[in-house]
Amino acid sequence: MAAATVKHALLKVAAVPFSAGRRRCLTTCVSTGELSAAVKHVSPIEASLYVHWPYCLKRCSYCNFNKYIPKGDNSSLMVDCLQRETETLLRLSQVSSITSVFFGGGTPSLAPPSAVARILDSVSRHASLPAGTEVTLEVNPTPSGRSRLEEFHRAGVNRFSIGVQSLRDEDLKLLGRDHDSRHALRTLAEARRLCPGRVSVDVMFGRPRQTPGAWRTELGELLAACDDHVSLYQLTLERGTALYGQVMGPAGELTLPEEDDTASMYTDARDLLQQGGLLQYEVSNFARRNTVSRHNMNYWKGGQYLGVGPGAHGRFAPLAEGSGVREARVQTLSPDAWTQEVQLRGHATRRRIPLSPLGLGLRCSWDGLALLDSMLPTLLLALDRFMNP
């Protein structure tokens, strides 16, 4: 395989998002024995919790996540069912300690802050939720989102993930976002006031018409305003989205940066973030002053996690059924169908896939595999085997 092809393939793989809401997967080439040994170190009674709030006020032009525009105010029913499914999965898994909670979406900052308090209360009644446990909320940085941060903080959120995406108003409009750069910076400042050192920023590169020089300037502005954690994502075109039609349609209204430019943006971002004191601890996440997300790291280390809400994914062993085999579980996608199933049987698991030790190793970096440079040899082997079977 040509060196240039390998380089671009590696960079493309390296830049894809890895988080609870994104649910992407990285396959590494390690032996079954190594995987089995790593799995043995995972406590069967601990897990993270991901809670999916499926509603948004609008759909962004690039987004194909499992999200819906609500037809009315059904937040009360949604919260009731999120509580019930949380309790059911805790009993089914016999998890006795929740190590982190992540509220994603959709736009979970549209949920009533009481929803967070009620779900955390459900966790506390069925498992241990130690004081100081990382509780993250994804926030859309609109004026209304900013105005509710303090209420969410009082409800139990101690970490905010702010969906800034860009500091360029023209790009935010193109992406279909409903905030501008001023809104983003004000939301970021308020989040940092409430949770200093525990605020993450999502930012996207490879946007239409973006150049490496403009990206470096923008990232410098972001570093001046951000807190101690940055999640870096490459824009990808997804079929069925408005942006896909604008780029790939017959009119070709928009163009994405060339592959070489996108690769440069990623490497430039890594350099600039590290110069700013943010060290890379997994493919798309950078942190300083020991602010690594415990929730993110649980995914990378192959830990158990419960997925609650429409379309949520989880991985745990259903010990209450007498099985110690870890399963990948996917909840029903549609909120309407999901609520009906939760009301009927306590949860809305649609698919259950038993996982082998090899399956448990997907998206896993173990304790020492933190920086991307450490992963490149394994990625290269995987890509070579894929390109030259």
Protein backbone atom coordinates (compact mmCIF):
# COMPACT_ATOMS: atom_id res chain seq x y z
CA MET A 1 0.00 0.00 0.00
CA ALA A 2 1.41 3.42 -0.95
CA ALA A 3 2.81 5.48 1.93
CA ALA A 4 0.60 8.46 1.08
CA THR A 5 -2.48 6.25 1.11
CA VAL A 6 -1.50 4.85 4.51
CA LYS A 7 -0.92 8.33 5.90
CA HIS A 8 -4.29 9.67 4.83
CA ALA A 9 -6.12 6.53 5.89
CA LEU A 10 -4.53 6.70 9.33
CA LEU A 11 -5.37 10.35 9.75
CA LYS A 12 -8.94 9.78 8.66
CA VAL A 13 -9.35 6.94 11.16
CA ALA A 14 -7.63 8.97 13.85
CA ALA A 15 -9.93 11.94 13.44
CA VAL A 16 -13.30 10.24 13.77
CA PRO A 17 -15.28 10.99 16.92
CA PHE A 18 -15.28 8.67 19.92
CA SER A 19 -17.80 9.51 22.63
CA ALA A 20 -21.01 8.24 24.15
CA GLY A 21 -23.25 10.16 21.82
CA ARG A 22 -21.21 9.31 18.72
CA ARG A 23 -20.77 5.59 19.29
CA ARG A 24 -17.94 5.08 16.79
CA CYS A 25 -15.70 2.01 16.94
CA LEU A 26 -11.98 1.40 16.44
CA THR A 27 -10.67 -2.11 15.81
CA THR A 28 -7.14 -2.79 17.04
CA CYS A 29 -4.93 -5.76 16.25
CA VAL A 30 -4.15 -7.46 19.54
CA SER A 31 -4.19 -11.08 20.51
CA THR A 32 -7.16 -12.85 22.09
CA GLY A 33 -4.97 -13.64 25.10
CA GLU A 34 -4.18 -9.96 25.66
CA LEU A 35 -7.85 -9.10 25.34
CA SER A 36 -8.92 -11.80 27.81
CA ALA A 37 -6.32 -10.61 30.32
CA ALA A 38 -7.55 -7.02 29.99
CA VAL A 39 -11.18 -8.05 30.44
CA LYS A 40 -10.35 -9.83 33.72
CA HIS A 41 -9.34 -6.48 35.19
CA VAL A 42 -12.82 -5.02 34.60
CA SER A 43 -14.94 -5.14 37.74
CA PRO A 44 -18.25 -6.93 37.08
CA ILE A 45 -20.07 -4.64 39.52
CA GLU A 46 -18.97 -1.23 38.17
CA ALA A 47 -20.30 0.57 35.11
CA SER A 48 -20.76 3.96 33.53
CA LEU A 49 -24.22 5.22 32.61
CA TYR A 50 -25.14 6.92 29.33
CA VAL A 51 -28.56 8.64 29.16
CA HIS A 52 -29.90 9.68 25.75
CA TRP A 53 -32.29 12.64 25.46
CA PRO A 54 -33.55 12.29 21.86
CA TYR A 55 -35.10 15.70 21.24
CA CYS A 56 -33.76 18.76 19.41
CA LEU A 57 -35.41 22.00 18.35
CA LYS A 58 -34.01 21.58 14.84
CA ARG A 59 -31.78 19.22 12.88
CA CYS A 60 -28.30 20.45 11.99
CA SER A 61 -27.34 20.14 8.33
CA TYR A 62 -24.61 17.53 8.97
CA CYS A 63 -26.28 15.44 11.67
CA ASN A 64 -27.63 11.90 11.31
CA PHE A 65 -27.75 11.05 15.02
CA ASN A 66 -30.82 9.53 16.59
CA LYS A 67 -32.72 12.74 17.30
CA TYR A 68 -36.28 13.96 16.83
CA ILE A 69 -38.21 17.23 16.75
CA PRO A 70 -40.88 16.90 19.47
CA LYS A 71 -44.51 17.28 18.40
CA GLY A 72 -45.50 18.51 21.85
CA ASP A 73 -44.29 18.69 25.42
CA ASN A 74 -43.80 15.04 26.33
CA SER A 75 -40.80 15.61 28.62
CA SER A 76 -42.64 14.27 31.67
CA LEU A 77 -43.31 10.89 30.03
CA MET A 78 -39.73 10.77 28.70
CA VAL A 79 -38.26 11.39 32.15
CA ASP A 80 -40.54 8.79 33.75
CA CYS A 81 -39.39 6.19 31.23
CA LEU A 82 -35.71 7.15 31.50
CA GLN A 83 -35.97 6.61 35.25
CA ARG A 84 -37.69 3.28 34.86
CA GLU A 85 -35.25 1.96 32.25
CA THR A 86 -32.30 3.08 34.40
CA GLU A 87 -33.67 1.14 37.37
CA THR A 88 -34.43 -1.94 35.24
CA LEU A 89 -30.96 -2.10 33.71
CA LEU A 90 -29.31 -1.58 37.08
CA ARG A 91 -31.25 -4.56 38.46
CA LEU A 92 -30.59 -6.65 35.35
CA SER A 93 -26.84 -5.97 35.36
CA GLN A 94 -26.56 -6.11 39.18
CA VAL A 95 -24.16 -3.18 38.88
CA SER A 96 -23.50 -1.90 42.38
CA SER A 97 -21.47 1.23 41.59
CA ILE A 98 -21.86 3.85 38.84
CA THR A 99 -18.49 5.47 38.08
CA SER A 100 -19.68 8.20 35.69
CA VAL A 101 -22.87 9.52 34.09
CA PHE A 102 -23.16 11.18 30.68
CA PHE A 103 -26.32 12.92 29.46
CA GLY A 104 -26.12 13.08 25.65
CA GLY A 105 -28.46 13.49 22.72
CA GLY A 106 -30.14 15.01 20.89
CA THR A 107 -29.99 18.13 23.03
CA PRO A 108 -30.11 17.09 26.69
CA SER A 109 -29.88 20.72 27.80
CA LEU A 110 -33.49 20.98 26.54
CA ALA A 111 -34.58 18.52 29.23
CA PRO A 112 -35.89 19.91 32.51
CA PRO A 113 -33.06 20.09 35.06
CA SER A 114 -35.27 18.04 37.36
CA ALA A 115 -34.77 15.14 34.92
CA VAL A 116 -31.10 14.99 35.89
CA ALA A 117 -31.95 15.05 39.60
CA ARG A 118 -34.57 12.32 39.24
CA ILE A 119 -32.30 9.99 37.23
CA LEU A 120 -29.40 10.48 39.64
CA ASP A 121 -31.81 9.74 42.49
CA SER A 122 -32.83 6.50 40.76
CA VAL A 123 -29.17 5.53 40.46
CA SER A 124 -28.53 6.33 44.14
CA ARG A 125 -31.45 4.15 45.25
CA HIS A 126 -30.23 1.11 43.31
CA ALA A 127 -26.44 1.47 43.29
CA SER A 128 -23.61 3.45 44.79
CA LEU A 129 -23.08 6.92 43.30
CA PRO A 130 -20.11 8.28 45.25
CA ALA A 131 -19.85 12.00 45.95
CA GLY A 132 -17.89 13.70 43.19
CA THR A 133 -18.77 11.10 40.55
CA GLU A 134 -18.32 12.67 37.11
CA VAL A 135 -21.75 13.75 35.78
CA THR A 136 -21.55 15.34 32.32
CA LEU A 137 -24.24 17.19 30.38
CA GLU A 138 -23.96 18.05 26.69
CA VAL A 139 -25.03 21.67 26.17
CA ASN A 140 -26.15 23.54 23.07
CA PRO A 141 -24.65 27.03 23.63
CA THR A 142 -27.78 29.08 22.97
CA PRO A 143 -28.98 31.84 25.33
CA SER A 144 -31.64 29.51 26.72
CA GLY A 145 -29.07 26.76 27.23
CA ARG A 146 -26.77 29.15 29.06
CA SER A 147 -29.57 30.42 31.30
CA ARG A 148 -30.23 26.92 32.67
CA LEU A 149 -26.67 25.86 33.45
CA GLU A 150 -26.93 26.85 37.10
CA GLU A 151 -30.13 24.80 37.51
CA PHE A 152 -28.44 21.76 35.95
CA HIS A 153 -25.47 22.29 38.25
CA ARG A 154 -27.74 22.31 41.31
CA ALA A 155 -29.43 19.15 39.98
CA GLY A 156 -26.12 17.27 40.10
CA VAL A 157 -24.18 18.05 36.90
CA ASN A 158 -20.52 18.75 37.66
CA ARG A 159 -19.10 18.72 34.13
CA PHE A 160 -20.35 20.42 30.96
CA SER A 161 -19.59 19.50 27.35
CA ILE A 162 -20.25 22.57 25.18
CA GLY A 163 -21.08 22.01 21.50
CA VAL A 164 -19.24 25.07 20.17
CA GLN A 165 -18.31 23.37 16.84
CA SER A 166 -16.97 26.63 15.35
CA LEU A 167 -16.18 30.24 16.25
CA ARG A 168 -17.07 31.40 12.73
CA ASP A 169 -20.66 32.60 12.44
CA GLU A 170 -20.87 31.89 8.71
CA ASP A 171 -19.83 28.28 9.31
CA LEU A 172 -22.28 27.86 12.19
CA LYS A 173 -25.06 29.05 9.89
CA LEU A 174 -23.91 26.64 7.18
CA LEU A 175 -23.92 23.77 9.68
CA GLY A 176 -27.46 24.65 10.73
CA ARG A 177 -26.52 25.50 14.30
CA ASP A 178 -28.85 27.75 16.27
CA HIS A 179 -26.16 29.70 18.12
CA ASP A 180 -23.47 32.17 17.11
CA SER A 181 -19.91 32.66 18.34
CA ARG A 182 -20.94 35.22 20.99
CA HIS A 183 -23.49 32.78 22.41
CA ALA A 184 -20.83 30.05 22.48
CA LEU A 185 -18.25 32.17 24.31
CA ARG A 186 -20.79 33.41 26.87
CA THR A 187 -22.02 29.87 27.53
CA LEU A 188 -18.44 28.69 27.91
CA ALA A 189 -17.68 31.45 30.41
CA GLU A 190 -20.76 30.62 32.49
CA ALA A 191 -19.96 26.89 32.44
CA ARG A 192 -16.41 27.61 33.59
CA ARG A 193 -17.74 29.77 36.43
CA LEU A 194 -19.92 26.92 37.66
CA CYS A 195 -17.52 24.01 37.04
CA PRO A 196 -13.97 25.37 36.76
CA GLY A 197 -11.62 22.80 35.28
CA ARG A 198 -14.53 20.54 34.27
CA VAL A 199 -15.73 22.03 30.99
CA SER A 200 -15.14 20.38 27.62
CA VAL A 201 -15.45 22.04 24.22
CA ASP A 202 -16.47 20.24 21.01
CA VAL A 203 -14.92 21.74 17.88
CA MET A 204 -15.15 20.54 14.27
CA PHE A 205 -12.63 20.79 11.42
CA GLY A 206 -12.75 19.91 7.73
CA ARG A 207 -15.71 22.23 7.23
CA PRO A 208 -16.71 23.50 3.78
CA ARG A 209 -14.34 26.16 2.42
CA GLN A 210 -12.12 25.90 5.50
CA THR A 211 -8.35 26.34 5.02
CA PRO A 212 -5.49 25.19 7.28
CA GLY A 213 -4.47 28.78 7.97
CA ALA A 214 -7.98 29.86 8.97
CA TRP A 215 -8.27 26.75 11.16
CA ARG A 216 -5.04 27.54 13.01
CA THR A 217 -6.27 31.08 13.71
CA GLU A 218 -9.63 29.84 14.94
CA LEU A 219 -8.06 27.21 17.17
CA GLY A 220 -5.82 29.85 18.72
CA GLU A 221 -8.93 31.88 19.59
CA LEU A 222 -10.55 28.80 21.08
CA LEU A 223 -7.51 28.04 23.24
CA ALA A 224 -7.73 31.54 24.71
CA ALA A 225 -11.31 30.91 25.82
CA CYS A 226 -11.59 27.18 26.52
CA ASP A 227 -11.18 25.34 29.77
CA ASP A 228 -9.13 22.19 30.30
CA HIS A 229 -10.66 19.75 27.81
CA VAL A 230 -11.16 19.78 24.03
CA SER A 231 -12.87 17.20 21.84
CA LEU A 232 -11.75 17.48 18.24
CA TYR A 233 -13.92 16.08 15.41
CA GLN A 234 -13.53 15.88 11.67
CA LEU A 235 -16.69 16.73 9.75
CA THR A 236 -17.92 13.67 7.86
CA LEU A 237 -20.63 13.63 5.22
CA GLU A 238 -23.54 11.40 6.14
CA ARG A 239 -26.07 10.23 3.57
CA GLY A 240 -29.51 11.70 4.00
CA THR A 241 -28.33 14.95 5.57
CA ALA A 242 -28.81 18.38 4.03
CA LEU A 243 -25.05 18.96 3.91
CA TYR A 244 -24.51 15.71 2.00
CA GLY A 245 -26.87 16.97 -0.71
CA GLN A 246 -25.13 20.34 -0.86
CA VAL A 247 -21.71 18.72 -1.37
CA MET A 248 -22.52 15.56 -3.32
CA GLY A 249 -25.64 16.72 -5.19
CA PRO A 250 -25.62 17.58 -8.92
CA ALA A 251 -25.35 21.30 -8.21
CA GLY A 252 -22.25 20.83 -6.05
CA GLU A 253 -22.99 23.96 -4.05
CA LEU A 254 -20.26 23.31 -1.49
CA THR A 255 -16.86 21.62 -1.42
CA LEU A 256 -14.95 20.12 1.48
CA PRO A 257 -11.21 20.72 1.94
CA GLU A 258 -8.79 18.50 0.02
CA GLU A 259 -7.54 15.39 1.81
CA ASP A 260 -4.06 16.89 2.27
CA ASP A 261 -5.52 20.01 3.85
CA THR A 262 -7.75 18.00 6.19
CA ALA A 263 -4.76 15.92 7.27
CA SER A 264 -2.80 19.12 7.93
CA MET A 265 -5.67 20.50 10.01
CA TYR A 266 -5.60 17.47 12.26
CA THR A 267 -1.83 17.47 12.77
CA ASP A 268 -1.81 21.25 13.27
CA ALA A 269 -4.55 20.92 15.88
CA ARG A 270 -2.62 18.25 17.75
CA ASP A 271 0.48 20.45 17.78
CA LEU A 272 -1.33 23.62 18.84
CA LEU A 273 -3.34 21.90 21.57
CA GLN A 274 -0.26 20.22 22.98
CA GLN A 275 1.63 23.52 22.88
CA GLY A 276 -1.28 24.93 24.88
CA GLY A 277 -0.77 22.27 27.53
CA LEU A 278 -3.57 19.92 26.45
CA LEU A 279 -2.19 16.41 26.12
CA GLN A 280 -3.88 13.86 23.87
CA TYR A 281 -5.23 10.93 25.87
CA GLU A 282 -7.27 9.28 23.12
CA VAL A 283 -7.97 9.79 19.45
CA SER A 284 -10.13 12.90 19.63
CA ASN A 285 -9.78 14.12 23.22
CA PHE A 286 -7.22 16.45 24.78
CA ALA A 287 -6.91 17.43 28.45
CA ARG A 288 -4.65 19.30 30.85
CA ARG A 289 -4.28 19.39 34.64
CA ASN A 290 -5.63 15.86 35.11
CA THR A 291 -9.03 16.63 33.55
CA VAL A 292 -9.28 13.42 31.53
CA SER A 293 -12.92 12.37 31.23
CA ARG A 294 -13.50 9.27 33.31
CA HIS A 295 -16.52 8.42 31.17
CA ASN A 296 -14.50 8.51 27.94
CA MET A 297 -11.75 6.40 29.46
CA ASN A 298 -14.18 3.74 30.61
CA TYR A 299 -15.12 3.15 26.97
CA TRP A 300 -11.49 2.96 25.89
CA LYS A 301 -10.55 0.56 28.69
CA GLY A 302 -13.38 -1.82 27.82
CA GLY A 303 -15.46 -1.14 30.94
CA GLN A 304 -19.13 -1.92 31.31
CA TYR A 305 -21.66 0.79 30.51
CA LEU A 306 -25.43 0.97 30.61
CA GLY A 307 -27.19 2.75 27.75
CA VAL A 308 -30.56 4.28 28.64
CA GLY A 309 -32.97 6.05 26.29
CA PRO A 310 -34.04 5.80 22.63
CA GLY A 311 -31.25 4.35 20.49
CA ALA A 312 -28.75 4.17 23.36
CA HIS A 313 -26.00 1.53 23.26
CA GLY A 314 -24.69 -0.40 26.24
CA ARG A 315 -22.28 -3.21 27.07
CA PHE A 316 -22.76 -5.25 30.22
CA ALA A 317 -23.35 -8.76 31.52
CA PRO A 318 -27.01 -9.45 32.51
CA LEU A 319 -26.08 -11.18 35.76
CA ALA A 320 -29.69 -11.25 36.98
CA GLU A 321 -30.47 -13.65 34.12
CA GLY A 322 -27.71 -15.97 35.27
CA SER A 323 -25.36 -14.98 32.46
CA GLY A 324 -21.86 -13.67 32.98
CA VAL A 325 -21.34 -13.08 29.25
CA ARG A 326 -21.01 -9.42 28.28
CA GLU A 327 -23.53 -8.28 25.66
CA ALA A 328 -23.72 -5.33 23.28
CA ARG A 329 -27.25 -3.98 23.70
CA VAL A 330 -29.12 -1.45 21.55
CA GLN A 331 -32.32 0.25 22.65
CA THR A 332 -35.31 0.90 20.36
CA LEU A 333 -34.71 4.01 18.23
CA SER A 334 -38.07 5.79 18.01
CA PRO A 335 -39.03 7.69 21.19
CA ASP A 336 -42.71 6.73 20.80
CA ALA A 337 -41.98 3.02 20.38
CA TRP A 338 -39.30 3.18 23.08
CA THR A 339 -41.67 4.68 25.69
CA GLN A 340 -44.31 2.06 24.91
CA GLU A 341 -41.82 -0.77 25.40
CA VAL A 342 -40.44 0.70 28.64
CA GLN A 343 -43.97 1.08 30.02
CA LEU A 344 -44.72 -2.52 29.04
CA ARG A 345 -41.62 -4.34 30.28
CA GLY A 346 -39.34 -1.86 32.04
CA HIS A 347 -36.78 -1.50 29.26
CA ALA A 348 -36.69 -1.23 25.47
CA THR A 349 -33.69 -3.33 24.48
CA ARG A 350 -34.13 -4.15 20.80
CA ARG A 351 -30.89 -6.05 20.06
CA ARG A 352 -28.62 -8.20 22.22
CA ILE A 353 -25.30 -9.44 20.85
CA PRO A 354 -23.08 -11.70 23.01
CA LEU A 355 -19.48 -10.49 22.94
CA SER A 356 -16.41 -12.68 22.68
CA PRO A 357 -13.12 -11.55 24.27
CA LEU A 358 -12.17 -10.20 20.83
CA GLY A 359 -15.39 -8.21 20.66
CA LEU A 360 -14.70 -6.78 24.09
CA GLY A 361 -11.39 -5.42 22.77
CA LEU A 362 -12.96 -3.18 20.15
CA ARG A 363 -12.38 0.50 20.89
CA CYS A 364 -10.09 -0.41 23.76
CA SER A 365 -6.76 1.21 24.57
CA TRP A 366 -5.89 -0.40 27.93
CA ASP A 367 -4.17 1.49 30.71
CA GLY A 368 -1.05 2.56 28.89
CA LEU A 369 -2.35 3.18 25.36
CA ALA A 370 -3.16 6.87 25.66
CA LEU A 371 -1.51 8.89 22.93
CA LEU A 372 -2.25 8.49 19.26
CA ASP A 373 1.43 7.96 18.43
CA SER A 374 1.32 4.79 20.53
CA MET A 375 -1.57 3.52 18.43
CA LEU A 376 -0.17 4.12 14.96
CA PRO A 377 1.68 0.79 14.58
CA THR A 378 -1.46 -1.17 15.44
CA LEU A 379 -3.58 0.99 13.15
CA LEU A 380 -1.08 0.49 10.36
CA LEU A 381 -1.28 -3.31 10.73
CA ALA A 382 -5.09 -3.18 10.71
CA LEU A 383 -5.18 -1.01 7.61
CA ASP A 384 -2.61 -3.13 5.82
CA ARG A 385 -4.62 -6.29 6.50
CA PHE A 386 -7.77 -4.55 5.28
CA MET A 387 -6.18 -3.22 2.10
CA ASN A 388 -4.18 -6.39 1.39
CA PRO A 389 -6.26 -9.37 2.61
